[in-house]
Amino acid sequence: MGLIHIEMFATLDLVGQAPGGPDEDPLGFPFGGWQVPLMDEVAGAQFDAAYEGTDALLLGRRTYDIFAAYWPHQAGGENNDFATLFNSVPKYVASRGRPDLSWAGSTHLGPNLADEVREIRERHENVKVVGSLNLVQTLLREKLFDRLDLWLHPIVLGVGKKVFDGGAVPTNVTLMAPPEASPKGTVHLRYGLADGTPATGDMSAPDRGAANTE
């Protein structure tokens, strides 16, 4: 069984909306492109490494449309490695509408997203979810993911759509590797989905480190 692997850029207040440019989100968000001034070579290398072994993309409609308009025209350019990867692997699009599937290798998922994601996991080894905030919130809520790479950037916006909006549920995760920080302060956190639900404890109890699972 393969992995559903979410890659998510977020601010310290966990805003994940439109990190890459002002045109990513047409809803009047005033900070589109907030990630760009915080990028550096170290974070870029970490991001490149995160895509090793990717054999499919799972995308929401808006991210798919952005990618489909950009990546087919980048072959041979500065971002050729990503262009080659994104253009060659299967693309699965979660959308209630009818997206234009002219990007080679694209498939529109049906209304039963949970069953479709489970089938994709059986079909591929390493499925990346990029951007696609609405889709990510569904995957988090339904626990339809295996890995969450959260790239926290040293900025607070105070407005914007947050990663865990939209009905997040109590979920245990486990840290898969030590956090990595870039020179400009981006911290790369890698979590895996863990069993069970969050436990509680009592800081005033003699054995205050013990968890209460009742």
C-alpha atoms as a PDB file:
ATOM      1  CA  MET A   1       0.000   0.000   0.000  1.00  0.00           C
ATOM      2  CA  GLY A   2       1.318   3.428  -0.945  1.00  0.00           C
ATOM      3  CA  LEU A   3       1.438   6.718   0.915  1.00  0.00           C
ATOM      4  CA  ILE A   4      -0.777   9.779   0.666  1.00  0.00           C
ATOM      5  CA  HIS A   5       1.786  12.489   1.420  1.00  0.00           C
ATOM      6  CA  ILE A   6       0.649  16.081   2.032  1.00  0.00           C
ATOM      7  CA  GLU A   7       3.104  18.952   1.423  1.00  0.00           C
ATOM      8  CA  MET A   8       1.779  22.134   3.031  1.00  0.00           C
ATOM      9  CA  PHE A   9       3.257  25.637   3.356  1.00  0.00           C
ATOM     10  CA  ALA A  10       1.940  27.634   6.319  1.00  0.00           C
ATOM     11  CA  THR A  11       2.579  30.728   8.397  1.00  0.00           C
ATOM     12  CA  LEU A  12       3.090  30.636  12.169  1.00  0.00           C
ATOM     13  CA  ASP A  13      -0.635  31.234  12.595  1.00  0.00           C
ATOM     14  CA  LEU A  14      -1.178  28.336  10.166  1.00  0.00           C
ATOM     15  CA  VAL A  15      -2.496  30.320   7.217  1.00  0.00           C
ATOM     16  CA  GLY A  16      -1.996  28.208   4.106  1.00  0.00           C
ATOM     17  CA  GLN A  17      -3.728  30.425   1.564  1.00  0.00           C
ATOM     18  CA  ALA A  18      -1.992  31.549  -1.646  1.00  0.00           C
ATOM     19  CA  PRO A  19       1.683  31.241  -0.629  1.00  0.00           C
ATOM     20  CA  GLY A  20       3.124  31.401  -4.137  1.00  0.00           C
ATOM     21  CA  GLY A  21       1.713  34.553  -5.722  1.00  0.00           C
ATOM     22  CA  PRO A  22      -1.040  37.197  -5.721  1.00  0.00           C
ATOM     23  CA  ASP A  23      -2.944  35.457  -8.511  1.00  0.00           C
ATOM     24  CA  GLU A  24      -3.223  32.085  -6.739  1.00  0.00           C
ATOM     25  CA  ASP A  25      -6.453  33.048  -4.998  1.00  0.00           C
ATOM     26  CA  PRO A  26      -8.980  35.471  -6.497  1.00  0.00           C
ATOM     27  CA  LEU A  27     -10.961  35.953  -3.268  1.00  0.00           C
ATOM     28  CA  GLY A  28      -9.413  39.256  -2.212  1.00  0.00           C
ATOM     29  CA  PHE A  29      -6.722  37.804   0.069  1.00  0.00           C
ATOM     30  CA  PRO A  30      -4.229  40.679   0.583  1.00  0.00           C
ATOM     31  CA  PHE A  31      -1.059  38.606   1.160  1.00  0.00           C
ATOM     32  CA  GLY A  32      -0.876  36.374  -1.908  1.00  0.00           C
ATOM     33  CA  GLY A  33       2.779  35.382  -2.421  1.00  0.00           C
ATOM     34  CA  TRP A  34       3.741  35.672   1.257  1.00  0.00           C
ATOM     35  CA  GLN A  35       6.137  32.726   0.975  1.00  0.00           C
ATOM     36  CA  VAL A  36       8.329  34.157  -1.786  1.00  0.00           C
ATOM     37  CA  PRO A  37      10.453  36.608   0.312  1.00  0.00           C
ATOM     38  CA  LEU A  38      11.143  33.796   2.815  1.00  0.00           C
ATOM     39  CA  MET A  39      12.537  31.277   0.333  1.00  0.00           C
ATOM     40  CA  ASP A  40      16.207  30.306   0.426  1.00  0.00           C
ATOM     41  CA  GLU A  41      18.460  27.599  -1.013  1.00  0.00           C
ATOM     42  CA  VAL A  42      18.284  25.350   2.037  1.00  0.00           C
ATOM     43  CA  ALA A  43      14.485  25.255   2.109  1.00  0.00           C
ATOM     44  CA  GLY A  44      14.490  24.784  -1.661  1.00  0.00           C
ATOM     45  CA  ALA A  45      16.805  21.774  -1.383  1.00  0.00           C
ATOM     46  CA  GLN A  46      14.601  20.274   1.337  1.00  0.00           C
ATOM     47  CA  PHE A  47      11.569  20.744  -0.857  1.00  0.00           C
ATOM     48  CA  ASP A  48      13.300  19.140  -3.831  1.00  0.00           C
ATOM     49  CA  ALA A  49      14.260  16.125  -1.701  1.00  0.00           C
ATOM     50  CA  ALA A  50      10.676  15.736  -0.486  1.00  0.00           C
ATOM     51  CA  TYR A  51       9.572  14.913  -4.038  1.00  0.00           C
ATOM     52  CA  GLU A  52      11.942  11.997  -4.562  1.00  0.00           C
ATOM     53  CA  GLY A  53       9.964   8.892  -5.454  1.00  0.00           C
ATOM     54  CA  THR A  54       6.713  10.710  -6.230  1.00  0.00           C
ATOM     55  CA  ASP A  55       4.647   8.684  -8.680  1.00  0.00           C
ATOM     56  CA  ALA A  56       1.309  10.563  -8.668  1.00  0.00           C
ATOM     57  CA  LEU A  57      -0.239  13.911  -7.743  1.00  0.00           C
ATOM     58  CA  LEU A  58      -3.540  14.379  -5.928  1.00  0.00           C
ATOM     59  CA  LEU A  59      -4.777  17.955  -6.354  1.00  0.00           C
ATOM     60  CA  GLY A  60      -7.759  20.166  -5.662  1.00  0.00           C
ATOM     61  CA  ARG A  61      -9.369  21.999  -8.563  1.00  0.00           C
ATOM     62  CA  ARG A  62      -7.760  25.405  -8.020  1.00  0.00           C
ATOM     63  CA  THR A  63      -4.224  24.054  -7.597  1.00  0.00           C
ATOM     64  CA  TYR A  64      -4.735  21.751 -10.570  1.00  0.00           C
ATOM     65  CA  ASP A  65      -5.773  24.646 -12.808  1.00  0.00           C
ATOM     66  CA  ILE A  66      -2.702  26.670 -11.741  1.00  0.00           C
ATOM     67  CA  PHE A  67      -0.359  23.732 -12.345  1.00  0.00           C
ATOM     68  CA  ALA A  68      -1.988  22.768 -15.656  1.00  0.00           C
ATOM     69  CA  ALA A  69      -1.514  26.297 -16.978  1.00  0.00           C
ATOM     70  CA  TYR A  70       2.155  26.432 -15.921  1.00  0.00           C
ATOM     71  CA  TRP A  71       4.035  23.136 -15.851  1.00  0.00           C
ATOM     72  CA  PRO A  72       3.421  21.883 -19.415  1.00  0.00           C
ATOM     73  CA  HIS A  73       5.335  24.959 -20.631  1.00  0.00           C
ATOM     74  CA  GLN A  74       8.370  24.613 -18.331  1.00  0.00           C
ATOM     75  CA  ALA A  75      10.138  21.625 -19.904  1.00  0.00           C
ATOM     76  CA  GLY A  76      13.782  22.426 -20.588  1.00  0.00           C
ATOM     77  CA  GLY A  77      13.739  25.542 -18.425  1.00  0.00           C
ATOM     78  CA  GLU A  78      15.045  26.404 -14.982  1.00  0.00           C
ATOM     79  CA  ASN A  79      12.500  24.102 -13.319  1.00  0.00           C
ATOM     80  CA  ASN A  80      12.905  21.249 -15.776  1.00  0.00           C
ATOM     81  CA  ASP A  81      13.194  18.521 -13.098  1.00  0.00           C
ATOM     82  CA  PHE A  82       9.860  19.437 -11.554  1.00  0.00           C
ATOM     83  CA  ALA A  83       8.306  19.949 -14.982  1.00  0.00           C
ATOM     84  CA  THR A  84       9.421  16.497 -16.076  1.00  0.00           C
ATOM     85  CA  LEU A  85       8.044  14.929 -12.901  1.00  0.00           C
ATOM     86  CA  PHE A  86       4.725  16.765 -12.839  1.00  0.00           C
ATOM     87  CA  ASN A  87       4.101  16.345 -16.553  1.00  0.00           C
ATOM     88  CA  SER A  88       4.845  12.617 -16.538  1.00  0.00           C
ATOM     89  CA  VAL A  89       3.058  11.274 -13.441  1.00  0.00           C
ATOM     90  CA  PRO A  90      -0.705  10.666 -13.226  1.00  0.00           C
ATOM     91  CA  LYS A  91      -2.714  13.598 -11.877  1.00  0.00           C
ATOM     92  CA  TYR A  92      -5.914  13.033  -9.876  1.00  0.00           C
ATOM     93  CA  VAL A  93      -8.250  16.016  -9.517  1.00  0.00           C
ATOM     94  CA  ALA A  94     -10.773  16.339  -6.682  1.00  0.00           C
ATOM     95  CA  SER A  95     -13.504  18.706  -7.815  1.00  0.00           C
ATOM     96  CA  ARG A  96     -17.269  19.024  -7.605  1.00  0.00           C
ATOM     97  CA  GLY A  97     -17.220  20.711 -10.998  1.00  0.00           C
ATOM     98  CA  ARG A  98     -15.939  19.605 -14.388  1.00  0.00           C
ATOM     99  CA  PRO A  99     -12.264  20.577 -14.707  1.00  0.00           C
ATOM    100  CA  ASP A 100     -10.520  20.849 -18.047  1.00  0.00           C
ATOM    101  CA  LEU A 101      -8.406  17.676 -18.147  1.00  0.00           C
ATOM    102  CA  SER A 102      -6.225  18.631 -21.115  1.00  0.00           C
ATOM    103  CA  TRP A 103      -3.046  18.217 -19.031  1.00  0.00           C
ATOM    104  CA  ALA A 104      -1.768  14.771 -20.017  1.00  0.00           C
ATOM    105  CA  GLY A 105      -2.400  12.028 -17.499  1.00  0.00           C
ATOM    106  CA  SER A 106      -5.220  13.779 -15.635  1.00  0.00           C
ATOM    107  CA  THR A 107      -8.235  12.023 -14.094  1.00  0.00           C
ATOM    108  CA  HIS A 108     -11.283  13.598 -12.465  1.00  0.00           C
ATOM    109  CA  LEU A 109     -12.250  11.869  -9.209  1.00  0.00           C
ATOM    110  CA  GLY A 110     -15.870  11.028  -8.565  1.00  0.00           C
ATOM    111  CA  PRO A 111     -18.100  12.136  -5.682  1.00  0.00           C
ATOM    112  CA  ASN A 112     -16.995   9.352  -3.318  1.00  0.00           C
ATOM    113  CA  LEU A 113     -13.606  10.860  -2.514  1.00  0.00           C
ATOM    114  CA  ALA A 114     -12.753   8.534   0.374  1.00  0.00           C
ATOM    115  CA  ASP A 115     -13.094   5.379  -1.744  1.00  0.00           C
ATOM    116  CA  GLU A 116     -11.226   6.973  -4.652  1.00  0.00           C
ATOM    117  CA  VAL A 117      -8.301   8.013  -2.419  1.00  0.00           C
ATOM    118  CA  ARG A 118      -8.082   4.503  -1.017  1.00  0.00           C
ATOM    119  CA  GLU A 119      -7.924   3.135  -4.567  1.00  0.00           C
ATOM    120  CA  ILE A 120      -5.197   5.628  -5.485  1.00  0.00           C
ATOM    121  CA  ARG A 121      -3.195   4.506  -2.446  1.00  0.00           C
ATOM    122  CA  GLU A 122      -3.425   0.914  -3.705  1.00  0.00           C
ATOM    123  CA  ARG A 123      -2.326   1.963  -7.198  1.00  0.00           C
ATOM    124  CA  HIS A 124       0.718   4.112  -6.340  1.00  0.00           C
ATOM    125  CA  GLU A 125       3.654   4.120  -3.937  1.00  0.00           C
ATOM    126  CA  ASN A 126       4.024   7.835  -3.149  1.00  0.00           C
ATOM    127  CA  VAL A 127       1.148  10.211  -3.904  1.00  0.00           C
ATOM    128  CA  LYS A 128       1.843  13.896  -3.268  1.00  0.00           C
ATOM    129  CA  VAL A 129      -0.832  16.408  -2.303  1.00  0.00           C
ATOM    130  CA  VAL A 130       0.424  19.938  -3.038  1.00  0.00           C
ATOM    131  CA  GLY A 131      -1.399  23.142  -2.063  1.00  0.00           C
ATOM    132  CA  SER A 132      -5.093  22.232  -2.497  1.00  0.00           C
ATOM    133  CA  LEU A 133      -6.159  23.590   0.888  1.00  0.00           C
ATOM    134  CA  ASN A 134      -9.814  22.529   0.646  1.00  0.00           C
ATOM    135  CA  LEU A 135      -8.789  18.998  -0.339  1.00  0.00           C
ATOM    136  CA  VAL A 136      -6.173  18.873   2.428  1.00  0.00           C
ATOM    137  CA  GLN A 137      -8.797  19.788   5.016  1.00  0.00           C
ATOM    138  CA  THR A 138     -10.965  16.906   3.800  1.00  0.00           C
ATOM    139  CA  LEU A 139      -8.041  14.472   3.946  1.00  0.00           C
ATOM    140  CA  LEU A 140      -7.158  15.627   7.472  1.00  0.00           C
ATOM    141  CA  ARG A 141     -10.765  15.416   8.650  1.00  0.00           C
ATOM    142  CA  GLU A 142     -11.219  11.914   7.204  1.00  0.00           C
ATOM    143  CA  LYS A 143      -7.690  10.790   8.197  1.00  0.00           C
ATOM    144  CA  LEU A 144      -7.046   9.905   4.557  1.00  0.00           C
ATOM    145  CA  PHE A 145      -3.323  10.687   4.689  1.00  0.00           C
ATOM    146  CA  ASP A 146      -0.153   8.963   5.834  1.00  0.00           C
ATOM    147  CA  ARG A 147       2.375  11.798   5.953  1.00  0.00           C
ATOM    148  CA  LEU A 148       2.085  15.531   6.554  1.00  0.00           C
ATOM    149  CA  ASP A 149       5.086  17.716   5.775  1.00  0.00           C
ATOM    150  CA  LEU A 150       4.365  21.116   7.309  1.00  0.00           C
ATOM    151  CA  TRP A 151       6.669  23.953   6.271  1.00  0.00           C
ATOM    152  CA  LEU A 152       6.251  26.674   8.931  1.00  0.00           C
ATOM    153  CA  HIS A 153       7.383  30.134   7.852  1.00  0.00           C
ATOM    154  CA  PRO A 154       8.416  32.938  10.251  1.00  0.00           C
ATOM    155  CA  ILE A 155       5.523  35.267   9.538  1.00  0.00           C
ATOM    156  CA  VAL A 156       2.100  35.961  11.077  1.00  0.00           C
ATOM    157  CA  LEU A 157      -0.671  37.241   8.799  1.00  0.00           C
ATOM    158  CA  GLY A 158      -3.732  37.316  11.028  1.00  0.00           C
ATOM    159  CA  VAL A 159      -6.063  36.748   8.072  1.00  0.00           C
ATOM    160  CA  GLY A 160      -6.488  34.001   5.531  1.00  0.00           C
ATOM    161  CA  LYS A 161      -7.651  30.425   5.309  1.00  0.00           C
ATOM    162  CA  LYS A 162      -5.945  28.168   7.825  1.00  0.00           C
ATOM    163  CA  VAL A 163      -4.702  24.625   7.367  1.00  0.00           C
ATOM    164  CA  PHE A 164      -6.869  23.102  10.106  1.00  0.00           C
ATOM    165  CA  ASP A 165     -10.061  25.035   9.429  1.00  0.00           C
ATOM    166  CA  GLY A 166     -13.013  23.149   8.050  1.00  0.00           C
ATOM    167  CA  GLY A 167     -13.715  20.515  10.694  1.00  0.00           C
ATOM    168  CA  ALA A 168     -10.389  19.118  11.857  1.00  0.00           C
ATOM    169  CA  VAL A 169     -10.844  16.109  14.139  1.00  0.00           C
ATOM    170  CA  PRO A 170      -8.751  14.929  17.119  1.00  0.00           C
ATOM    171  CA  THR A 171      -5.804  13.094  15.594  1.00  0.00           C
ATOM    172  CA  ASN A 172      -2.517  11.679  16.812  1.00  0.00           C
ATOM    173  CA  VAL A 173       0.582  12.187  14.696  1.00  0.00           C
ATOM    174  CA  THR A 174       4.192  11.211  15.237  1.00  0.00           C
ATOM    175  CA  LEU A 175       7.324  13.151  14.327  1.00  0.00           C
ATOM    176  CA  MET A 176       9.100  11.212  11.561  1.00  0.00           C
ATOM    177  CA  ALA A 177      12.423  13.080  11.623  1.00  0.00           C
ATOM    178  CA  PRO A 178      14.076  15.969  13.508  1.00  0.00           C
ATOM    179  CA  PRO A 179      12.846  19.404  12.395  1.00  0.00           C
ATOM    180  CA  GLU A 180      15.051  21.210   9.881  1.00  0.00           C
ATOM    181  CA  ALA A 181      15.411  24.999   9.821  1.00  0.00           C
ATOM    182  CA  SER A 182      16.514  27.154   6.898  1.00  0.00           C
ATOM    183  CA  PRO A 183      18.598  30.365   7.162  1.00  0.00           C
ATOM    184  CA  LYS A 184      15.502  32.545   6.720  1.00  0.00           C
ATOM    185  CA  GLY A 185      13.692  30.695   9.469  1.00  0.00           C
ATOM    186  CA  THR A 186      11.430  28.198   7.714  1.00  0.00           C
ATOM    187  CA  VAL A 187      11.044  25.026   9.788  1.00  0.00           C
ATOM    188  CA  HIS A 188      10.311  21.736   8.059  1.00  0.00           C
ATOM    189  CA  LEU A 189       8.204  19.402  10.227  1.00  0.00           C
ATOM    190  CA  ARG A 190       7.512  15.843   9.086  1.00  0.00           C
ATOM    191  CA  TYR A 191       4.651  13.974  10.706  1.00  0.00           C
ATOM    192  CA  GLY A 192       3.109  10.565  10.189  1.00  0.00           C
ATOM    193  CA  LEU A 193      -0.450   9.593  11.038  1.00  0.00           C
ATOM    194  CA  ALA A 194      -0.526   7.630  14.307  1.00  0.00           C
ATOM    195  CA  ASP A 195      -3.117   5.358  15.862  1.00  0.00           C
ATOM    196  CA  GLY A 196      -5.626   6.378  18.504  1.00  0.00           C
ATOM    197  CA  THR A 197      -6.930   9.752  19.629  1.00  0.00           C
ATOM    198  CA  PRO A 198      -5.222  12.413  21.765  1.00  0.00           C
ATOM    199  CA  ALA A 199      -4.812  11.515  25.445  1.00  0.00           C
ATOM    200  CA  THR A 200      -4.870  13.924  28.380  1.00  0.00           C
ATOM    201  CA  GLY A 201      -2.940  14.248  31.632  1.00  0.00           C
ATOM    202  CA  ASP A 202      -2.902  16.185  34.908  1.00  0.00           C
ATOM    203  CA  MET A 203       0.058  18.486  35.565  1.00  0.00           C
ATOM    204  CA  SER A 204      -0.826  18.639  39.306  1.00  0.00           C
ATOM    205  CA  ALA A 205      -0.732  14.872  39.802  1.00  0.00           C
ATOM    206  CA  PRO A 206       2.373  13.213  41.345  1.00  0.00           C
ATOM    207  CA  ASP A 207       2.813  11.177  38.189  1.00  0.00           C
ATOM    208  CA  ARG A 208       1.881  14.128  36.021  1.00  0.00           C
ATOM    209  CA  GLY A 209       3.540  12.662  32.974  1.00  0.00           C
ATOM    210  CA  ALA A 210       1.003   9.839  32.938  1.00  0.00           C
ATOM    211  CA  ALA A 211      -1.692  10.118  30.318  1.00  0.00           C
ATOM    212  CA  ASN A 212      -5.394   9.848  30.996  1.00  0.00           C
ATOM    213  CA  THR A 213      -7.047   7.845  28.266  1.00  0.00           C
ATOM    214  CA  GLU A 214     -10.433   7.398  29.958  1.00  0.00           C
END
